[in-house]
Amino acid sequence: MRSAAEAAPSFLYLPLLAGAGTGQSLKLELDEARYVAKVVRAREGERLTATDGAGLVATLVVESSRPEVVLRIDALEHWPPPAPRHLLCGAPEGERGDWLVEKLAELGVTHFQPVDTDRVSWPDHLRQDRWARLAVAALRQSRSAWMMRLAEPQELAVALLEGLPESRWLADPDGVAPGELPEPAVAAVTGAVGPSSGFSGAELKLLATHGFVLVKLAHTRLRTETAALALASHWAARR
């Protein structure tokens, strides 16, 4: 029979790995300690895997699970960064931003940039702390060594000045099929998705001047969060 650590997701997010060395023991605090003790239910001697979210991956041995959770670093390795996948996204309707962030992180989007547009802005009570927790949950689920970066909302015109990858896709039902565009699997790519009411005419012209190509993701008009996931899913499938 498999142990709880083998049966449950046991890929951990441990920022304190940065700067640590093989053979070093780490005492976990707060969320990760509870995760190991209550969710994974790891026992002494079992092995777990963890990342610092910036490419460092460790194999760890559980030295103690109660009353304190202490893990010993058995091995360390650096995983190369994925090809950058930037997404500029207008605000969806209601509270769908939480779900959107979690799923984009699972699909391997590397940078998520909320954009305020002419027609819709992200709410002032944006829950960045909750988004950060969802990104951690997605990291565990997807077993990725790299955390999705979450940015504060910016005006679209400002976000376009941030040195984005040169291959640029704008989700639009009047665009070309993704298969007609250059393969993005080995290159960086930027995607743009409008808010629930769409980009304004002026914003569409601005995006065009910045090299965005219209890409059709479905034969119908999609909601913001659906279009964003369709875009991310396409990138992930072709990676």
C-alpha atoms as a PDB file:
ATOM      1  CA  MET A   1       0.000   0.000   0.000  1.00  0.00           C
ATOM      2  CA  ARG A   2       1.264   3.499  -0.842  1.00  0.00           C
ATOM      3  CA  SER A   3       2.016   5.928   1.952  1.00  0.00           C
ATOM      4  CA  ALA A   4      -0.037   9.098   2.337  1.00  0.00           C
ATOM      5  CA  ALA A   5       2.890  11.086   0.992  1.00  0.00           C
ATOM      6  CA  GLU A   6       2.876   8.989  -2.168  1.00  0.00           C
ATOM      7  CA  ALA A   7      -0.917   8.992  -2.530  1.00  0.00           C
ATOM      8  CA  ALA A   8      -1.522  12.715  -1.933  1.00  0.00           C
ATOM      9  CA  PRO A   9      -0.015  15.598  -3.896  1.00  0.00           C
ATOM     10  CA  SER A  10       3.335  16.148  -2.192  1.00  0.00           C
ATOM     11  CA  PHE A  11       4.985  18.748  -4.378  1.00  0.00           C
ATOM     12  CA  LEU A  12       5.727  21.608  -1.993  1.00  0.00           C
ATOM     13  CA  TYR A  13       6.346  25.316  -2.383  1.00  0.00           C
ATOM     14  CA  LEU A  14       9.243  26.277  -0.120  1.00  0.00           C
ATOM     15  CA  PRO A  15      10.695  29.750  -0.767  1.00  0.00           C
ATOM     16  CA  LEU A  16      13.266  29.118   1.975  1.00  0.00           C
ATOM     17  CA  LEU A  17      15.028  26.641  -0.342  1.00  0.00           C
ATOM     18  CA  ALA A  18      16.753  29.599  -1.968  1.00  0.00           C
ATOM     19  CA  GLY A  19      20.274  29.686  -0.570  1.00  0.00           C
ATOM     20  CA  ALA A  20      19.957  26.317   1.183  1.00  0.00           C
ATOM     21  CA  GLY A  21      22.385  23.444   0.662  1.00  0.00           C
ATOM     22  CA  THR A  22      22.330  19.664   0.473  1.00  0.00           C
ATOM     23  CA  GLY A  23      22.201  18.079   3.919  1.00  0.00           C
ATOM     24  CA  GLN A  24      20.634  21.136   5.530  1.00  0.00           C
ATOM     25  CA  SER A  25      17.524  20.721   7.702  1.00  0.00           C
ATOM     26  CA  LEU A  26      14.594  23.096   7.304  1.00  0.00           C
ATOM     27  CA  LYS A  27      11.856  23.721   9.849  1.00  0.00           C
ATOM     28  CA  LEU A  28       8.621  24.561   8.080  1.00  0.00           C
ATOM     29  CA  GLU A  29       6.296  27.312   9.226  1.00  0.00           C
ATOM     30  CA  LEU A  30       2.582  28.017   8.893  1.00  0.00           C
ATOM     31  CA  ASP A  31       0.968  26.963   5.595  1.00  0.00           C
ATOM     32  CA  GLU A  32       3.564  24.484   4.358  1.00  0.00           C
ATOM     33  CA  ALA A  33       3.907  22.858   7.779  1.00  0.00           C
ATOM     34  CA  ARG A  34       0.137  22.352   7.924  1.00  0.00           C
ATOM     35  CA  TYR A  35       0.141  21.102   4.331  1.00  0.00           C
ATOM     36  CA  VAL A  36       2.782  18.459   5.040  1.00  0.00           C
ATOM     37  CA  ALA A  37       1.275  17.381   8.356  1.00  0.00           C
ATOM     38  CA  LYS A  38      -2.466  17.576   7.603  1.00  0.00           C
ATOM     39  CA  VAL A  39      -2.830  17.132   3.817  1.00  0.00           C
ATOM     40  CA  VAL A  40       0.143  14.996   2.812  1.00  0.00           C
ATOM     41  CA  ARG A  41       0.256  13.327   6.254  1.00  0.00           C
ATOM     42  CA  ALA A  42       3.910  12.578   5.692  1.00  0.00           C
ATOM     43  CA  ARG A  43       5.766  10.393   8.172  1.00  0.00           C
ATOM     44  CA  GLU A  44       9.386  10.306   9.259  1.00  0.00           C
ATOM     45  CA  GLY A  45      11.705   8.852   6.638  1.00  0.00           C
ATOM     46  CA  GLU A  46       9.414   9.570   3.684  1.00  0.00           C
ATOM     47  CA  ARG A  47      10.599  11.621   0.738  1.00  0.00           C
ATOM     48  CA  LEU A  48       8.967  14.734  -0.666  1.00  0.00           C
ATOM     49  CA  THR A  49       9.741  17.090  -3.537  1.00  0.00           C
ATOM     50  CA  ALA A  50       9.727  20.875  -3.264  1.00  0.00           C
ATOM     51  CA  THR A  51      10.541  23.993  -5.257  1.00  0.00           C
ATOM     52  CA  ASP A  52      11.263  27.600  -4.430  1.00  0.00           C
ATOM     53  CA  GLY A  53       9.127  28.660  -7.404  1.00  0.00           C
ATOM     54  CA  ALA A  54      12.184  30.015  -9.216  1.00  0.00           C
ATOM     55  CA  GLY A  55      13.572  26.833 -10.748  1.00  0.00           C
ATOM     56  CA  LEU A  56      15.239  25.204  -7.731  1.00  0.00           C
ATOM     57  CA  VAL A  57      13.880  21.710  -7.007  1.00  0.00           C
ATOM     58  CA  ALA A  58      14.773  19.647  -3.944  1.00  0.00           C
ATOM     59  CA  THR A  59      14.292  16.082  -2.820  1.00  0.00           C
ATOM     60  CA  LEU A  60      13.706  16.100   0.942  1.00  0.00           C
ATOM     61  CA  VAL A  61      13.507  13.517   3.693  1.00  0.00           C
ATOM     62  CA  VAL A  62      11.032  13.986   6.529  1.00  0.00           C
ATOM     63  CA  GLU A  63      12.998  14.118   9.782  1.00  0.00           C
ATOM     64  CA  SER A  64      10.018  15.065  11.931  1.00  0.00           C
ATOM     65  CA  SER A  65       6.312  15.622  11.285  1.00  0.00           C
ATOM     66  CA  ARG A  66       5.109  16.311  14.861  1.00  0.00           C
ATOM     67  CA  PRO A  67       5.102  18.577  16.761  1.00  0.00           C
ATOM     68  CA  GLU A  68       7.330  20.440  14.290  1.00  0.00           C
ATOM     69  CA  VAL A  69       7.753  19.647  10.615  1.00  0.00           C
ATOM     70  CA  VAL A  70      11.458  19.333   9.787  1.00  0.00           C
ATOM     71  CA  LEU A  71      12.759  18.271   6.367  1.00  0.00           C
ATOM     72  CA  ARG A  72      16.346  17.444   5.372  1.00  0.00           C
ATOM     73  CA  ILE A  73      17.536  18.371   1.874  1.00  0.00           C
ATOM     74  CA  ASP A  74      18.767  15.202   0.184  1.00  0.00           C
ATOM     75  CA  ALA A  75      19.366  16.597  -3.325  1.00  0.00           C
ATOM     76  CA  LEU A  76      19.046  19.855  -5.269  1.00  0.00           C
ATOM     77  CA  GLU A  77      18.767  20.614  -8.954  1.00  0.00           C
ATOM     78  CA  HIS A  78      17.913  23.629 -11.105  1.00  0.00           C
ATOM     79  CA  TRP A  79      15.208  23.310 -13.737  1.00  0.00           C
ATOM     80  CA  PRO A  80      15.491  25.638 -16.756  1.00  0.00           C
ATOM     81  CA  PRO A  81      12.853  28.365 -17.042  1.00  0.00           C
ATOM     82  CA  PRO A  82       9.959  27.763 -19.438  1.00  0.00           C
ATOM     83  CA  ALA A  83       9.541  29.883 -22.542  1.00  0.00           C
ATOM     84  CA  PRO A  84       7.861  33.126 -21.424  1.00  0.00           C
ATOM     85  CA  ARG A  85       4.073  33.133 -21.794  1.00  0.00           C
ATOM     86  CA  HIS A  86       2.742  36.605 -20.987  1.00  0.00           C
ATOM     87  CA  LEU A  87      -0.979  37.313 -20.802  1.00  0.00           C
ATOM     88  CA  LEU A  88      -2.539  40.783 -20.737  1.00  0.00           C
ATOM     89  CA  CYS A  89      -6.118  40.403 -19.603  1.00  0.00           C
ATOM     90  CA  GLY A  90      -9.051  42.743 -19.123  1.00  0.00           C
ATOM     91  CA  ALA A  91     -11.451  42.241 -16.235  1.00  0.00           C
ATOM     92  CA  PRO A  92     -14.016  39.434 -16.545  1.00  0.00           C
ATOM     93  CA  GLU A  93     -17.495  39.730 -15.086  1.00  0.00           C
ATOM     94  CA  GLY A  94     -18.096  39.256 -11.383  1.00  0.00           C
ATOM     95  CA  GLU A  95     -15.653  37.256  -9.270  1.00  0.00           C
ATOM     96  CA  ARG A  96     -14.263  35.088 -12.058  1.00  0.00           C
ATOM     97  CA  GLY A  97     -10.746  36.477 -11.687  1.00  0.00           C
ATOM     98  CA  ASP A  98      -9.879  34.003  -8.914  1.00  0.00           C
ATOM     99  CA  TRP A  99     -10.757  30.982 -11.033  1.00  0.00           C
ATOM    100  CA  LEU A 100      -8.959  32.514 -14.007  1.00  0.00           C
ATOM    101  CA  VAL A 101      -5.692  33.018 -12.113  1.00  0.00           C
ATOM    102  CA  GLU A 102      -5.669  29.459 -10.783  1.00  0.00           C
ATOM    103  CA  LYS A 103      -6.255  27.851 -14.174  1.00  0.00           C
ATOM    104  CA  LEU A 104      -3.773  30.058 -16.043  1.00  0.00           C
ATOM    105  CA  ALA A 105      -1.106  29.083 -13.527  1.00  0.00           C
ATOM    106  CA  GLU A 106      -1.897  25.390 -14.000  1.00  0.00           C
ATOM    107  CA  LEU A 107      -1.578  25.799 -17.777  1.00  0.00           C
ATOM    108  CA  GLY A 108       1.876  27.324 -17.575  1.00  0.00           C
ATOM    109  CA  VAL A 109       1.308  31.033 -18.164  1.00  0.00           C
ATOM    110  CA  THR A 110       4.463  32.639 -16.770  1.00  0.00           C
ATOM    111  CA  HIS A 111       3.321  36.268 -16.372  1.00  0.00           C
ATOM    112  CA  PHE A 112      -0.230  37.456 -15.697  1.00  0.00           C
ATOM    113  CA  GLN A 113      -0.850  41.176 -16.216  1.00  0.00           C
ATOM    114  CA  PRO A 114      -4.366  42.489 -15.446  1.00  0.00           C
ATOM    115  CA  VAL A 115      -5.083  45.517 -17.632  1.00  0.00           C
ATOM    116  CA  ASP A 116      -7.498  48.372 -17.022  1.00  0.00           C
ATOM    117  CA  THR A 117      -9.246  49.354 -20.235  1.00  0.00           C
ATOM    118  CA  ASP A 118     -11.435  52.145 -21.584  1.00  0.00           C
ATOM    119  CA  ARG A 119     -14.624  50.236 -20.806  1.00  0.00           C
ATOM    120  CA  VAL A 120     -13.764  48.195 -17.717  1.00  0.00           C
ATOM    121  CA  SER A 121     -11.233  48.354 -14.880  1.00  0.00           C
ATOM    122  CA  TRP A 122     -10.308  45.652 -12.436  1.00  0.00           C
ATOM    123  CA  PRO A 123     -12.032  46.237  -9.052  1.00  0.00           C
ATOM    124  CA  ASP A 124     -10.230  48.260  -6.403  1.00  0.00           C
ATOM    125  CA  HIS A 125     -10.606  45.364  -3.945  1.00  0.00           C
ATOM    126  CA  LEU A 126      -8.547  43.054  -6.136  1.00  0.00           C
ATOM    127  CA  ARG A 127      -7.451  40.163  -3.913  1.00  0.00           C
ATOM    128  CA  GLN A 128      -3.762  39.897  -4.704  1.00  0.00           C
ATOM    129  CA  ASP A 129      -3.107  37.891  -1.521  1.00  0.00           C
ATOM    130  CA  ARG A 130      -5.726  35.344  -2.536  1.00  0.00           C
ATOM    131  CA  TRP A 131      -4.320  35.229  -6.061  1.00  0.00           C
ATOM    132  CA  ALA A 132      -0.885  34.488  -4.642  1.00  0.00           C
ATOM    133  CA  ARG A 133      -2.339  31.557  -2.649  1.00  0.00           C
ATOM    134  CA  LEU A 134      -4.090  30.255  -5.767  1.00  0.00           C
ATOM    135  CA  ALA A 135      -0.826  30.456  -7.716  1.00  0.00           C
ATOM    136  CA  VAL A 136       0.841  28.369  -5.005  1.00  0.00           C
ATOM    137  CA  ALA A 137      -1.965  25.793  -5.157  1.00  0.00           C
ATOM    138  CA  ALA A 138      -1.570  25.625  -8.928  1.00  0.00           C
ATOM    139  CA  LEU A 139       2.184  25.188  -8.560  1.00  0.00           C
ATOM    140  CA  ARG A 140       1.628  22.188  -6.313  1.00  0.00           C
ATOM    141  CA  GLN A 141      -1.005  20.732  -8.622  1.00  0.00           C
ATOM    142  CA  SER A 142       0.998  21.143 -11.825  1.00  0.00           C
ATOM    143  CA  ARG A 143       4.324  20.202 -10.200  1.00  0.00           C
ATOM    144  CA  SER A 144       6.034  23.121 -11.883  1.00  0.00           C
ATOM    145  CA  ALA A 145       9.333  24.553 -10.674  1.00  0.00           C
ATOM    146  CA  TRP A 146       8.344  28.064 -11.703  1.00  0.00           C
ATOM    147  CA  MET A 147       5.669  30.244 -10.095  1.00  0.00           C
ATOM    148  CA  MET A 148       3.432  32.360 -12.310  1.00  0.00           C
ATOM    149  CA  ARG A 149       4.239  36.039 -11.774  1.00  0.00           C
ATOM    150  CA  LEU A 150       1.293  38.200 -10.765  1.00  0.00           C
ATOM    151  CA  ALA A 151       1.364  41.914 -11.548  1.00  0.00           C
ATOM    152  CA  GLU A 152      -0.737  44.776 -10.246  1.00  0.00           C
ATOM    153  CA  PRO A 153      -3.338  46.107 -12.723  1.00  0.00           C
ATOM    154  CA  GLN A 154      -2.019  48.661 -15.199  1.00  0.00           C
ATOM    155  CA  GLU A 155      -3.520  50.762 -17.953  1.00  0.00           C
ATOM    156  CA  LEU A 156      -3.246  48.902 -21.241  1.00  0.00           C
ATOM    157  CA  ALA A 157      -1.034  51.594 -22.774  1.00  0.00           C
ATOM    158  CA  VAL A 158       1.392  51.285 -19.849  1.00  0.00           C
ATOM    159  CA  ALA A 159       1.465  47.484 -19.911  1.00  0.00           C
ATOM    160  CA  LEU A 160       2.402  47.555 -23.594  1.00  0.00           C
ATOM    161  CA  LEU A 161       5.632  49.360 -22.733  1.00  0.00           C
ATOM    162  CA  GLU A 162       6.919  46.588 -20.472  1.00  0.00           C
ATOM    163  CA  GLY A 163       9.206  44.797 -22.948  1.00  0.00           C
ATOM    164  CA  LEU A 164       6.809  42.034 -23.933  1.00  0.00           C
ATOM    165  CA  PRO A 165       7.762  39.030 -26.089  1.00  0.00           C
ATOM    166  CA  GLU A 166       7.692  39.845 -29.811  1.00  0.00           C
ATOM    167  CA  SER A 167       5.237  37.129 -30.886  1.00  0.00           C
ATOM    168  CA  ARG A 168       1.896  38.747 -29.989  1.00  0.00           C
ATOM    169  CA  TRP A 169      -1.607  37.292 -30.205  1.00  0.00           C
ATOM    170  CA  LEU A 170      -4.888  39.120 -29.693  1.00  0.00           C
ATOM    171  CA  ALA A 171      -7.896  36.876 -29.060  1.00  0.00           C
ATOM    172  CA  ASP A 172     -10.574  37.889 -31.569  1.00  0.00           C
ATOM    173  CA  PRO A 173     -13.323  35.920 -33.372  1.00  0.00           C
ATOM    174  CA  ASP A 174     -12.359  37.608 -36.658  1.00  0.00           C
ATOM    175  CA  GLY A 175      -8.731  36.492 -36.492  1.00  0.00           C
ATOM    176  CA  VAL A 176      -6.789  33.708 -38.164  1.00  0.00           C
ATOM    177  CA  ALA A 177      -6.636  30.176 -36.827  1.00  0.00           C
ATOM    178  CA  PRO A 178      -3.712  29.556 -34.424  1.00  0.00           C
ATOM    179  CA  GLY A 179      -2.350  26.898 -36.751  1.00  0.00           C
ATOM    180  CA  GLU A 180      -1.667  29.583 -39.362  1.00  0.00           C
ATOM    181  CA  LEU A 181       0.733  31.410 -37.032  1.00  0.00           C
ATOM    182  CA  PRO A 182       4.399  30.555 -36.324  1.00  0.00           C
ATOM    183  CA  GLU A 183       4.919  27.770 -33.807  1.00  0.00           C
ATOM    184  CA  PRO A 184       5.329  29.395 -30.336  1.00  0.00           C
ATOM    185  CA  ALA A 185       6.524  26.282 -28.527  1.00  0.00           C
ATOM    186  CA  VAL A 186      10.194  27.256 -28.449  1.00  0.00           C
ATOM    187  CA  ALA A 187       9.778  31.015 -28.389  1.00  0.00           C
ATOM    188  CA  ALA A 188       8.317  33.620 -26.090  1.00  0.00           C
ATOM    189  CA  VAL A 189       4.772  34.787 -26.774  1.00  0.00           C
ATOM    190  CA  THR A 190       2.367  37.451 -25.504  1.00  0.00           C
ATOM    191  CA  GLY A 191      -1.413  37.168 -25.530  1.00  0.00           C
ATOM    192  CA  ALA A 192      -4.050  39.841 -25.049  1.00  0.00           C
ATOM    193  CA  VAL A 193      -7.668  39.236 -24.055  1.00  0.00           C
ATOM    194  CA  GLY A 194     -10.231  42.008 -23.764  1.00  0.00           C
ATOM    195  CA  PRO A 195     -12.542  42.647 -20.798  1.00  0.00           C
ATOM    196  CA  SER A 196     -16.132  41.428 -20.654  1.00  0.00           C
ATOM    197  CA  SER A 197     -17.255  44.297 -22.920  1.00  0.00           C
ATOM    198  CA  GLY A 198     -14.265  44.037 -25.253  1.00  0.00           C
ATOM    199  CA  PHE A 199     -11.454  46.406 -26.148  1.00  0.00           C
ATOM    200  CA  SER A 200     -12.455  49.807 -27.524  1.00  0.00           C
ATOM    201  CA  GLY A 201     -11.688  50.780 -31.111  1.00  0.00           C
ATOM    202  CA  ALA A 202      -8.811  52.961 -29.946  1.00  0.00           C
ATOM    203  CA  GLU A 203      -7.354  50.091 -27.919  1.00  0.00           C
ATOM    204  CA  LEU A 204      -7.590  47.711 -30.873  1.00  0.00           C
ATOM    205  CA  LYS A 205      -5.637  50.202 -32.975  1.00  0.00           C
ATOM    206  CA  LEU A 206      -3.067  50.548 -30.187  1.00  0.00           C
ATOM    207  CA  LEU A 207      -2.628  46.792 -29.966  1.00  0.00           C
ATOM    208  CA  ALA A 208      -2.208  46.604 -33.734  1.00  0.00           C
ATOM    209  CA  THR A 209       0.551  49.224 -33.657  1.00  0.00           C
ATOM    210  CA  HIS A 210       2.327  47.073 -31.063  1.00  0.00           C
ATOM    211  CA  GLY A 211       2.328  44.062 -33.361  1.00  0.00           C
ATOM    212  CA  PHE A 212      -0.627  42.047 -32.067  1.00  0.00           C
ATOM    213  CA  VAL A 213      -2.148  39.649 -34.613  1.00  0.00           C
ATOM    214  CA  LEU A 214      -5.827  38.685 -34.374  1.00  0.00           C
ATOM    215  CA  VAL A 215      -6.217  35.007 -33.444  1.00  0.00           C
ATOM    216  CA  LYS A 216      -9.500  33.101 -33.574  1.00  0.00           C
ATOM    217  CA  LEU A 217      -9.815  30.638 -30.697  1.00  0.00           C
ATOM    218  CA  ALA A 218     -13.355  29.413 -31.438  1.00  0.00           C
ATOM    219  CA  HIS A 219     -16.150  29.870 -33.951  1.00  0.00           C
ATOM    220  CA  THR A 220     -18.144  31.815 -31.374  1.00  0.00           C
ATOM    221  CA  ARG A 221     -17.530  34.868 -29.193  1.00  0.00           C
ATOM    222  CA  LEU A 222     -16.005  33.769 -25.884  1.00  0.00           C
ATOM    223  CA  ARG A 223     -16.191  35.248 -22.416  1.00  0.00           C
ATOM    224  CA  THR A 224     -13.000  36.869 -21.146  1.00  0.00           C
ATOM    225  CA  GLU A 225     -12.020  34.013 -18.869  1.00  0.00           C
ATOM    226  CA  THR A 226     -12.878  31.399 -21.514  1.00  0.00           C
ATOM    227  CA  ALA A 227     -10.792  33.146 -24.163  1.00  0.00           C
ATOM    228  CA  ALA A 228      -7.861  33.482 -21.756  1.00  0.00           C
ATOM    229  CA  LEU A 229      -7.960  29.776 -20.938  1.00  0.00           C
ATOM    230  CA  ALA A 230      -8.360  28.819 -24.590  1.00  0.00           C
ATOM    231  CA  LEU A 231      -5.265  30.840 -25.406  1.00  0.00           C
ATOM    232  CA  ALA A 232      -3.264  29.340 -22.538  1.00  0.00           C
ATOM    233  CA  SER A 233      -4.470  25.825 -23.391  1.00  0.00           C
ATOM    234  CA  HIS A 234      -3.334  26.235 -26.977  1.00  0.00           C
ATOM    235  CA  TRP A 235       0.120  27.345 -25.882  1.00  0.00           C
ATOM    236  CA  ALA A 236       0.341  24.474 -23.384  1.00  0.00           C
ATOM    237  CA  ALA A 237      -0.732  21.856 -25.939  1.00  0.00           C
ATOM    238  CA  ARG A 238       1.850  23.042 -28.475  1.00  0.00           C
ATOM    239  CA  ARG A 239       4.679  23.353 -25.946  1.00  0.00           C
END
